[in-house]
């Protein structure tokens, strides 16, 4: 009876994690569609895309926490299996189509170099390096909270002190920031009982108001951007902390949505397709005489078609991989 109760709790945990991952991926997909279809981002990157990325790192950190002893070798193998191998497979498969879509000539040496140096997908590269580094930090001091807190703050400070290079190898600079949010998710999970006591509608309303004021200010000010963060560290931290606490507080009031949860379960595939598919659909929409021209309805239709295309390709990939695995057995 006790085991069944634990399994039920674990299932509920997985559901909200999948929901938030799926929600984050939909926000990223909306941004990519806007960029390719409108040919410029009407909505500034830091209004919602940055928050989606941070939320994704936070959830990944949440999954790091275990009440028992963490099997570090198993965790590293999991990172390799779920992130490193998909990175090399997908970046290799989409390298040529991506170049052709941009109507550029194929430079094989540069293409291979970009894949090997982690430049072919900055978000996944930063997540890989961030998770491996965070695992190493946990191994060194056996998950001591003070040590991890100091290391996470140090990573954040170094990230902002060092001059930023968007094309750094394996996105190690973005990985430093990722470590900070991996730790925030880890810490939230460790003290979730405390956080649950303050997860009240009143706090949600207050956090939402704070977040709205921050977003209005950001929208009115021309802010320099990095891949993830804005250049103003205090403003960025205020934004992300308010956002994370608001979303985590709100999630328990949101009913289940299997569609979004399914996206969350397969979000890595969605991410690798969220550049090419919006580009293809946008080209087709313009060719058939349905350009953006400032119409929200045109954008929403394009976003729906992009979602359907990516979902179809993801379903085909999953079933094809299952068929191959069955055939090998």
Protein backbone atom coordinates (compact mmCIF):
# COMPACT_ATOMS: atom_id res chain seq x y z
CA UNK A 1 0.00 0.00 0.00
CA UNK A 2 2.85 2.35 0.89
CA UNK A 3 4.68 1.54 -2.38
CA UNK A 4 1.51 2.27 -4.38
CA UNK A 5 1.19 5.65 -2.66
CA UNK A 6 4.82 6.46 -3.49
CA UNK A 7 4.29 5.48 -7.13
CA UNK A 8 1.23 7.76 -7.29
CA UNK A 9 3.21 10.70 -5.86
CA UNK A 10 6.04 10.00 -8.32
CA UNK A 11 3.55 9.88 -11.22
CA UNK A 12 2.07 13.24 -10.22
CA UNK A 13 5.59 14.68 -10.00
CA UNK A 14 6.44 13.44 -13.48
CA UNK A 15 3.19 14.87 -14.86
CA UNK A 16 3.86 18.44 -13.71
CA UNK A 17 7.49 18.21 -14.77
CA UNK A 18 6.43 17.04 -18.24
CA UNK A 19 3.82 19.79 -18.36
CA UNK A 20 6.34 22.54 -17.56
CA UNK A 21 8.87 21.13 -20.01
CA UNK A 22 6.18 21.00 -22.69
CA UNK A 23 5.05 24.53 -21.84
CA UNK A 24 8.65 25.79 -22.06
CA UNK A 25 9.08 24.13 -25.44
CA UNK A 26 5.88 25.70 -26.77
CA UNK A 27 7.18 29.14 -25.77
CA UNK A 28 10.48 28.47 -27.57
CA UNK A 29 8.55 27.20 -30.59
CA UNK A 30 6.40 30.34 -30.61
CA UNK A 31 9.54 32.50 -30.62
CA UNK A 32 11.18 30.57 -33.49
CA UNK A 33 7.98 30.72 -35.52
CA UNK A 34 7.75 34.46 -34.95
CA UNK A 35 11.36 34.99 -36.08
CA UNK A 36 11.05 32.90 -39.28
CA UNK A 37 7.51 33.87 -40.27
CA UNK A 38 7.58 37.56 -39.40
CA UNK A 39 11.28 37.69 -40.33
CA UNK A 40 11.95 39.57 -37.11
CA UNK A 41 10.92 39.08 -33.49
CA UNK A 42 8.11 41.52 -32.73
CA UNK A 43 8.13 40.35 -29.12
CA UNK A 44 11.55 40.96 -27.51
CA UNK A 45 13.50 37.79 -26.73
CA UNK A 46 13.65 38.52 -23.00
CA UNK A 47 9.88 38.91 -22.60
CA UNK A 48 9.22 35.17 -22.54
CA UNK A 49 11.90 33.12 -24.36
CA UNK A 50 14.56 33.67 -21.71
CA UNK A 51 12.07 32.57 -19.05
CA UNK A 52 11.30 29.37 -20.97
CA UNK A 53 15.00 28.47 -21.10
CA UNK A 54 15.53 29.22 -17.42
CA UNK A 55 12.49 27.11 -16.50
CA UNK A 56 13.90 24.20 -18.49
CA UNK A 57 17.22 24.40 -16.59
CA UNK A 58 15.37 24.71 -13.27
CA UNK A 59 13.37 21.52 -13.94
CA UNK A 60 16.53 19.65 -14.94
CA UNK A 61 18.06 20.69 -11.61
CA UNK A 62 14.93 19.60 -9.75
CA UNK A 63 15.43 16.08 -11.12
CA UNK A 64 19.00 15.98 -9.78
CA UNK A 65 17.86 15.80 -6.17
CA UNK A 66 17.51 12.39 -4.56
CA UNK A 67 16.81 11.66 -0.90
CA UNK A 68 19.11 8.65 -1.06
CA UNK A 69 22.62 8.46 -2.44
CA UNK A 70 22.93 9.69 -6.00
CA UNK A 71 24.57 7.22 -8.38
CA UNK A 72 26.97 9.57 -10.15
CA UNK A 73 28.11 7.08 -12.79
CA UNK A 74 24.49 6.32 -13.62
CA UNK A 75 23.73 10.07 -13.81
CA UNK A 76 26.62 10.70 -16.22
CA UNK A 77 25.48 7.77 -18.38
CA UNK A 78 21.97 9.27 -18.36
CA UNK A 79 23.31 12.65 -19.54
CA UNK A 80 25.24 10.93 -22.33
CA UNK A 81 22.23 8.85 -23.38
CA UNK A 82 19.56 11.58 -23.16
CA UNK A 83 21.57 14.63 -24.30
CA UNK A 84 25.03 13.93 -25.76
CA UNK A 85 24.05 11.14 -28.19
CA UNK A 86 20.88 12.97 -29.40
CA UNK A 87 22.99 16.12 -29.86
CA UNK A 88 25.40 14.41 -32.26
CA UNK A 89 22.68 12.46 -34.07
CA UNK A 90 20.29 15.36 -34.66
CA UNK A 91 22.88 18.05 -35.38
CA UNK A 92 24.47 15.71 -37.95
CA UNK A 93 21.14 14.89 -39.59
CA UNK A 94 19.86 18.46 -39.82
CA UNK A 95 23.19 20.16 -40.69
CA UNK A 96 22.78 19.94 -44.48
CA UNK A 97 19.01 20.70 -44.61
CA UNK A 98 19.56 23.70 -42.30
CA UNK A 99 22.29 25.08 -44.59
CA UNK A 100 20.15 24.57 -47.70
CA UNK A 101 17.18 26.31 -46.08
CA UNK A 102 19.40 29.31 -45.46
CA UNK A 103 20.39 29.17 -49.15
CA UNK A 104 24.05 28.95 -48.21
CA UNK A 105 26.79 26.80 -49.73
CA UNK A 106 27.84 23.77 -47.67
CA UNK A 107 31.23 24.06 -46.00
CA UNK A 108 31.85 20.52 -44.72
CA UNK A 109 34.84 21.44 -42.55
CA UNK A 110 32.93 24.24 -40.83
CA UNK A 111 29.84 22.03 -40.44
CA UNK A 112 31.82 19.25 -38.75
CA UNK A 113 33.71 21.77 -36.60
CA UNK A 114 30.47 23.40 -35.43
CA UNK A 115 29.08 20.02 -34.37
CA UNK A 116 32.24 18.90 -32.57
CA UNK A 117 32.68 22.26 -30.81
CA UNK A 118 29.09 22.36 -29.51
CA UNK A 119 28.11 25.32 -31.69
CA UNK A 120 25.51 23.42 -33.69
CA UNK A 121 22.96 23.73 -30.86
CA UNK A 122 23.96 26.20 -28.14
CA UNK A 123 21.05 25.43 -25.79
CA UNK A 124 21.69 21.67 -25.67
CA UNK A 125 25.47 22.19 -25.51
CA UNK A 126 25.08 24.49 -22.50
CA UNK A 127 22.72 22.01 -20.82
CA UNK A 128 25.16 19.11 -21.38
CA UNK A 129 28.17 20.98 -19.97
CA UNK A 130 26.07 22.46 -17.14
CA UNK A 131 24.73 19.07 -16.03
CA UNK A 132 28.15 17.40 -16.24
CA UNK A 133 29.73 20.24 -14.25
CA UNK A 134 26.95 20.20 -11.64
CA UNK A 135 27.34 16.41 -11.28
CA UNK A 136 31.08 16.95 -10.70
CA UNK A 137 30.38 19.59 -8.04
CA UNK A 138 28.08 17.16 -6.24
CA UNK A 139 30.70 14.40 -6.36
CA UNK A 140 33.43 16.64 -4.90
CA UNK A 141 31.59 17.65 -1.72
CA UNK A 142 28.92 14.97 -1.45
CA UNK A 143 26.00 17.34 -2.03
CA UNK A 144 26.73 19.71 0.87
CA UNK A 145 24.29 22.60 0.56
CA UNK A 146 26.78 25.32 1.56
CA UNK A 147 29.36 24.10 -0.95
CA UNK A 148 26.84 23.89 -3.77
CA UNK A 149 25.44 27.34 -2.90
CA UNK A 150 28.90 28.93 -3.02
CA UNK A 151 29.70 27.15 -6.31
CA UNK A 152 26.39 28.22 -7.91
CA UNK A 153 26.85 31.86 -6.89
CA UNK A 154 30.47 31.75 -8.12
CA UNK A 155 29.30 30.43 -11.50
CA UNK A 156 26.82 33.30 -11.77
CA UNK A 157 29.45 35.92 -10.87
CA UNK A 158 32.01 34.49 -13.31
CA UNK A 159 29.36 34.40 -16.03
CA UNK A 160 28.80 38.15 -15.69
CA UNK A 161 32.43 39.15 -15.06
CA UNK A 162 34.02 37.43 -18.09
CA UNK A 163 33.48 39.20 -21.45
CA UNK A 164 30.77 37.27 -23.25
CA UNK A 165 31.50 35.36 -26.45
CA UNK A 166 28.40 33.94 -28.11
CA UNK A 167 30.46 31.39 -30.05
CA UNK A 168 32.46 29.93 -27.14
CA UNK A 169 33.29 26.22 -27.33
CA UNK A 170 30.53 23.99 -25.99
CA UNK A 171 28.83 27.16 -24.72
CA UNK A 172 30.78 26.91 -21.47
CA UNK A 173 29.82 30.48 -20.54
CA UNK A 174 26.09 29.77 -20.89
CA UNK A 175 26.73 26.51 -19.02
CA UNK A 176 27.94 28.57 -16.01
CA UNK A 177 24.56 30.28 -15.89
CA UNK A 178 22.82 26.94 -16.42
CA UNK A 179 24.58 25.59 -13.30
CA UNK A 180 23.06 28.39 -11.21
CA UNK A 181 19.55 27.44 -12.28
CA UNK A 182 20.22 23.72 -12.07
CA UNK A 183 21.12 24.37 -8.44
CA UNK A 184 18.01 26.50 -7.87
CA UNK A 185 15.87 23.57 -9.04
CA UNK A 186 17.89 21.16 -6.88
CA UNK A 187 17.50 23.44 -3.84
CA UNK A 188 13.76 23.86 -4.44
CA UNK A 189 13.34 20.08 -4.51
CA UNK A 190 15.43 19.65 -1.36
CA UNK A 191 13.27 22.16 0.56
CA UNK A 192 10.01 21.61 -1.32
CA UNK A 193 8.01 21.08 1.89
CA UNK A 194 8.94 24.60 3.00
CA UNK A 195 8.17 26.10 -0.40
CA UNK A 196 4.82 24.30 -0.49
CA UNK A 197 3.77 26.09 2.71
CA UNK A 198 4.12 29.47 0.96
CA UNK A 199 2.56 28.34 -2.32
CA UNK A 200 -0.66 30.27 -1.78
CA UNK A 201 -2.90 32.18 -4.25
CA UNK A 202 -1.99 35.45 -2.50
CA UNK A 203 1.71 34.89 -3.19
CA UNK A 204 0.94 33.90 -6.78
CA UNK A 205 -0.93 37.17 -7.33
CA UNK A 206 1.91 39.19 -5.78
CA UNK A 207 4.54 37.39 -7.87
CA UNK A 208 2.50 37.94 -11.03
CA UNK A 209 2.26 41.68 -10.32
CA UNK A 210 6.01 41.88 -9.72
CA UNK A 211 6.66 39.96 -12.94
CA UNK A 212 4.35 42.21 -14.96
CA UNK A 213 6.08 45.35 -13.67
CA UNK A 214 9.49 43.89 -14.53
CA UNK A 215 8.36 42.92 -18.05
CA UNK A 216 6.88 46.39 -18.67
CA UNK A 217 10.17 47.97 -17.62
CA UNK A 218 12.18 45.56 -19.79
CA UNK A 219 9.94 46.26 -22.77
CA UNK A 220 10.42 50.01 -22.43
CA UNK A 221 14.20 49.78 -22.15
CA UNK A 222 16.54 48.64 -24.94
CA UNK A 223 18.42 45.85 -23.15
CA UNK A 224 21.63 44.21 -24.41
CA UNK A 225 21.18 40.42 -24.64
CA UNK A 226 23.20 37.25 -24.31
CA UNK A 227 21.95 33.79 -25.34
CA UNK A 228 20.06 33.43 -22.07
CA UNK A 229 20.37 36.53 -19.92
CA UNK A 230 20.11 40.27 -20.24
CA UNK A 231 23.24 42.24 -19.34
CA UNK A 232 21.73 43.69 -16.16
CA UNK A 233 22.31 40.97 -13.56
CA UNK A 234 20.01 42.42 -10.83
CA UNK A 235 17.13 42.86 -13.28
CA UNK A 236 17.68 39.41 -14.76
CA UNK A 237 17.69 37.75 -11.33
CA UNK A 238 14.58 39.63 -10.20
CA UNK A 239 12.81 38.57 -13.40
CA UNK A 240 13.79 34.90 -13.24
CA UNK A 241 13.19 34.45 -9.50
CA UNK A 242 9.71 36.01 -9.73
CA UNK A 243 8.98 33.89 -12.84
CA UNK A 244 10.12 30.57 -11.36
CA UNK A 245 8.30 31.04 -8.05
CA UNK A 246 5.15 32.15 -9.87
CA UNK A 247 5.12 29.20 -12.27
CA UNK A 248 5.88 26.61 -9.57
CA UNK A 249 3.16 28.12 -7.36
CA UNK A 250 0.65 28.17 -10.20
CA UNK A 251 1.25 24.65 -11.53
CA UNK A 252 -0.81 22.86 -8.88
CA UNK A 253 -3.91 24.82 -9.96
CA UNK A 254 -3.56 23.89 -13.64
CA UNK A 255 -5.52 20.82 -14.83
CA UNK A 256 -3.78 18.02 -16.69
CA UNK A 257 -3.11 18.45 -20.40
CA UNK A 258 -1.84 15.26 -22.03
CA UNK A 259 -0.88 17.08 -25.24
CA UNK A 260 1.52 19.43 -23.44
CA UNK A 261 2.79 16.58 -21.24
CA UNK A 262 3.58 14.55 -24.39
CA UNK A 263 5.58 17.48 -25.76
CA UNK A 264 7.45 17.62 -22.45
CA UNK A 265 8.29 13.91 -22.62
CA UNK A 266 9.86 14.39 -26.06
CA UNK A 267 11.04 17.98 -25.73
CA UNK A 268 14.60 17.28 -26.92
CA UNK A 269 13.32 16.12 -30.33
CA UNK A 270 11.01 19.14 -30.48
CA UNK A 271 13.92 21.44 -29.73
CA UNK A 272 16.08 20.11 -32.58
CA UNK A 273 13.16 20.54 -34.98
CA UNK A 274 12.05 23.98 -33.78
CA UNK A 275 14.39 25.77 -36.18
CA UNK A 276 13.87 23.90 -39.45
CA UNK A 277 10.12 23.31 -39.21
CA UNK A 278 9.15 26.98 -38.60
CA UNK A 279 11.46 27.92 -41.48
CA UNK A 280 9.80 25.42 -43.87
CA UNK A 281 6.25 26.34 -42.89
CA UNK A 282 7.02 30.08 -43.09
CA UNK A 283 8.41 29.69 -46.61
CA UNK A 284 5.31 27.74 -47.67
CA UNK A 285 2.93 30.27 -46.09
CA UNK A 286 4.57 33.11 -47.99
CA UNK A 287 4.56 31.12 -51.24
CA UNK A 288 0.82 30.41 -51.06
CA UNK A 289 0.07 34.08 -50.40
CA UNK A 290 -0.42 34.14 -46.63
CA UNK A 291 2.38 36.40 -45.37
CA UNK A 292 2.36 37.83 -41.85
CA UNK A 293 1.56 41.47 -42.75
CA UNK A 294 0.78 42.23 -39.11
CA UNK A 295 -2.14 39.77 -38.84
CA UNK A 296 -2.18 37.83 -35.56
CA UNK A 297 -4.50 35.21 -37.12
CA UNK A 298 -1.87 34.46 -39.79
CA UNK A 299 0.79 33.98 -37.14
CA UNK A 300 -1.43 31.71 -35.01
CA UNK A 301 -2.29 29.60 -38.07
CA UNK A 302 1.42 29.28 -38.92
CA UNK A 303 2.24 28.35 -35.32
CA UNK A 304 -0.45 25.65 -35.40
CA UNK A 305 0.92 24.22 -38.65
CA UNK A 306 4.46 24.27 -37.24
CA UNK A 307 3.26 22.41 -34.14
CA UNK A 308 1.45 19.79 -36.27
CA UNK A 309 4.50 19.29 -38.49
CA UNK A 310 6.92 18.89 -35.58
CA UNK A 311 4.54 16.59 -33.72
CA UNK A 312 4.11 14.39 -36.81
CA UNK A 313 7.88 14.15 -37.39
CA UNK A 314 8.46 13.43 -33.67
CA UNK A 315 5.84 10.65 -33.77
CA UNK A 316 7.50 9.14 -36.86
CA UNK A 317 10.96 9.29 -35.24
CA UNK A 318 9.71 7.63 -32.05
CA UNK A 319 7.91 4.83 -33.88
CA UNK A 320 10.82 4.31 -36.26
CA UNK A 321 13.25 4.02 -33.35
CA UNK A 322 10.94 1.52 -31.61
CA UNK A 323 10.73 -0.52 -34.83
CA UNK A 324 14.52 -0.56 -35.18
CA UNK A 325 14.98 -1.63 -31.54
CA UNK A 326 12.40 -4.42 -32.00
CA UNK A 327 14.06 -5.61 -35.19
CA UNK A 328 17.46 -5.81 -33.47
CA UNK A 329 15.97 -7.97 -30.69
